[in-house]
C-alpha atoms as a PDB file:
ATOM      1  CA  MET A   1     -88.566  66.325 -43.608  1.00  0.00           C
ATOM      2  CA  ARG A   2     -87.524  65.074 -40.210  1.00  0.00           C
ATOM      3  CA  LYS A   3     -87.794  61.362 -39.444  1.00  0.00           C
ATOM      4  CA  THR A   4     -89.474  60.395 -36.220  1.00  0.00           C
ATOM      5  CA  SER A   5     -90.243  57.190 -34.365  1.00  0.00           C
ATOM      6  CA  VAL A   6     -93.792  58.306 -33.660  1.00  0.00           C
ATOM      7  CA  CYS A   7     -96.470  56.307 -35.422  1.00  0.00           C
ATOM      8  CA  LEU A   8     -98.270  58.153 -38.249  1.00  0.00           C
ATOM      9  CA  GLY A   9    -101.610  57.315 -36.612  1.00  0.00           C
ATOM     10  CA  THR A  10    -100.511  59.013 -33.404  1.00  0.00           C
ATOM     11  CA  ILE A  11     -99.480  62.163 -35.288  1.00  0.00           C
ATOM     12  CA  ARG A  12    -102.798  62.163 -37.126  1.00  0.00           C
ATOM     13  CA  ASN A  13    -104.784  61.675 -33.910  1.00  0.00           C
ATOM     14  CA  ARG A  14    -102.953  64.487 -32.162  1.00  0.00           C
ATOM     15  CA  ALA A  15    -103.526  66.802 -35.149  1.00  0.00           C
ATOM     16  CA  LEU A  16    -107.225  65.969 -35.040  1.00  0.00           C
ATOM     17  CA  SER A  17    -107.277  66.460 -31.238  1.00  0.00           C
ATOM     18  CA  LYS A  18    -108.430  62.898 -30.647  1.00  0.00           C
ATOM     19  CA  HIS A  19    -106.013  62.595 -27.772  1.00  0.00           C
ATOM     20  CA  GLY A  20    -103.412  64.735 -26.031  1.00  0.00           C
ATOM     21  CA  SER A  21     -99.825  64.320 -25.153  1.00  0.00           C
ATOM     22  CA  ALA A  22     -98.538  61.670 -22.733  1.00  0.00           C
ATOM     23  CA  ARG A  23     -97.698  64.439 -20.254  1.00  0.00           C
ATOM     24  CA  LYS A  24    -101.285  65.621 -20.293  1.00  0.00           C
ATOM     25  CA  ALA A  25    -102.630  62.106 -20.012  1.00  0.00           C
ATOM     26  CA  HIS A  26    -100.591  61.459 -16.875  1.00  0.00           C
ATOM     27  CA  SER A  27    -101.278  64.805 -15.193  1.00  0.00           C
ATOM     28  CA  ALA A  28    -103.720  63.159 -12.752  1.00  0.00           C
ATOM     29  CA  GLN A  29    -100.858  60.926 -11.538  1.00  0.00           C
ATOM     30  CA  GLN A  30     -98.581  63.859 -10.730  1.00  0.00           C
ATOM     31  CA  LEU A  31     -98.071  64.776  -7.095  1.00  0.00           C
ATOM     32  CA  LEU A  32     -98.038  68.525  -7.767  1.00  0.00           C
ATOM     33  CA  SER A  33    -100.273  70.472 -10.074  1.00  0.00           C
ATOM     34  CA  HIS A  34     -98.662  72.931 -12.472  1.00  0.00           C
ATOM     35  CA  SER A  35     -99.350  75.882 -10.143  1.00  0.00           C
ATOM     36  CA  GLN A  36     -98.041  73.956  -7.081  1.00  0.00           C
ATOM     37  CA  GLU A  37     -94.955  73.057  -9.030  1.00  0.00           C
ATOM     38  CA  ASN A  38     -94.411  76.752  -9.782  1.00  0.00           C
ATOM     39  CA  VAL A  39     -94.691  77.570  -6.077  1.00  0.00           C
ATOM     40  CA  LEU A  40     -92.046  74.965  -5.289  1.00  0.00           C
ATOM     41  CA  VAL A  41     -89.736  76.274  -8.035  1.00  0.00           C
ATOM     42  CA  ASP A  42     -90.150  79.850  -6.773  1.00  0.00           C
ATOM     43  CA  TRP A  43     -89.236  78.695  -3.266  1.00  0.00           C
ATOM     44  CA  ILE A  44     -86.135  76.919  -4.551  1.00  0.00           C
ATOM     45  CA  ILE A  45     -85.078  79.985  -6.492  1.00  0.00           C
ATOM     46  CA  LEU A  46     -85.567  82.220  -3.453  1.00  0.00           C
ATOM     47  CA  LEU A  47     -83.366  79.910  -1.365  1.00  0.00           C
ATOM     48  CA  SER A  48     -80.771  79.866  -4.099  1.00  0.00           C
ATOM     49  CA  GLU A  49     -80.722  83.641  -4.360  1.00  0.00           C
ATOM     50  CA  THR A  50     -80.195  83.980  -0.611  1.00  0.00           C
ATOM     51  CA  GLY A  51     -77.304  81.494  -0.657  1.00  0.00           C
ATOM     52  CA  HIS A  52     -79.143  78.581   0.969  1.00  0.00           C
ATOM     53  CA  SER A  53     -78.869  75.054  -0.293  1.00  0.00           C
ATOM     54  CA  ILE A  54     -81.711  72.623  -0.080  1.00  0.00           C
ATOM     55  CA  GLY A  55     -81.503  68.896   0.582  1.00  0.00           C
ATOM     56  CA  LYS A  56     -83.735  66.131  -0.671  1.00  0.00           C
ATOM     57  CA  GLU A  57     -85.614  65.780   2.607  1.00  0.00           C
ATOM     58  CA  ALA A  58     -86.342  69.522   2.812  1.00  0.00           C
ATOM     59  CA  LEU A  59     -87.572  69.473  -0.771  1.00  0.00           C
ATOM     60  CA  ARG A  60     -89.871  66.503   0.024  1.00  0.00           C
ATOM     61  CA  ARG A  61     -91.221  68.205   3.153  1.00  0.00           C
ATOM     62  CA  LYS A  62     -91.943  71.433   1.243  1.00  0.00           C
ATOM     63  CA  ALA A  63     -93.758  69.483  -1.459  1.00  0.00           C
ATOM     64  CA  GLU A  64     -95.814  67.785   1.220  1.00  0.00           C
ATOM     65  CA  LEU A  65     -96.751  71.160   2.715  1.00  0.00           C
ATOM     66  CA  ILE A  66     -97.789  72.415  -0.680  1.00  0.00           C
ATOM     67  CA  CYS A  67     -99.926  69.490  -1.817  1.00  0.00           C
ATOM     68  CA  GLY A  68    -100.863  67.674   1.392  1.00  0.00           C
ATOM     69  CA  GLN A  69     -99.485  64.341   0.257  1.00  0.00           C
ATOM     70  CA  THR A  70     -96.193  62.667   1.157  1.00  0.00           C
ATOM     71  CA  PRO A  71     -93.870  62.249  -1.794  1.00  0.00           C
ATOM     72  CA  GLY A  72     -92.293  58.824  -2.253  1.00  0.00           C
ATOM     73  CA  GLU A  73     -88.689  58.119  -1.486  1.00  0.00           C
ATOM     74  CA  THR A  74     -87.670  58.497  -5.163  1.00  0.00           C
ATOM     75  CA  TRP A  75     -89.828  61.536  -5.893  1.00  0.00           C
ATOM     76  CA  VAL A  76     -86.897  63.980  -5.872  1.00  0.00           C
ATOM     77  CA  TYR A  77     -84.941  61.857  -8.371  1.00  0.00           C
ATOM     78  CA  HIS A  78     -87.937  61.738 -10.675  1.00  0.00           C
ATOM     79  CA  CYS A  79     -88.201  65.554 -10.513  1.00  0.00           C
ATOM     80  CA  TYR A  80     -84.618  65.841 -11.699  1.00  0.00           C
ATOM     81  CA  LYS A  81     -85.111  63.180 -14.355  1.00  0.00           C
ATOM     82  CA  LEU A  82     -88.305  64.810 -15.719  1.00  0.00           C
ATOM     83  CA  GLY A  83     -86.711  68.221 -15.577  1.00  0.00           C
ATOM     84  CA  LEU A  84     -88.300  70.270 -12.822  1.00  0.00           C
ATOM     85  CA  THR A  85     -87.306  73.544 -14.443  1.00  0.00           C
ATOM     86  CA  LEU A  86     -85.723  76.247 -12.343  1.00  0.00           C
END
């Protein structure tokens, strides 16, 4: 059996569907929805395949065009930290 730092009550509550994951709980706080994030990732992949690099400002502008909200100054770093998967 694997040891974990998660409280037994949390594991039980998740198994009983009393509450979801932390990621799901914070989804309303995310700038991009899952489908918008996929659009952004597809755009990054397209640029990569055509040999174009993308800077932080261009990434922020594209995210703003997709969702209609201006990302914060540290938004790009949080994407990397949280693992915006390409």
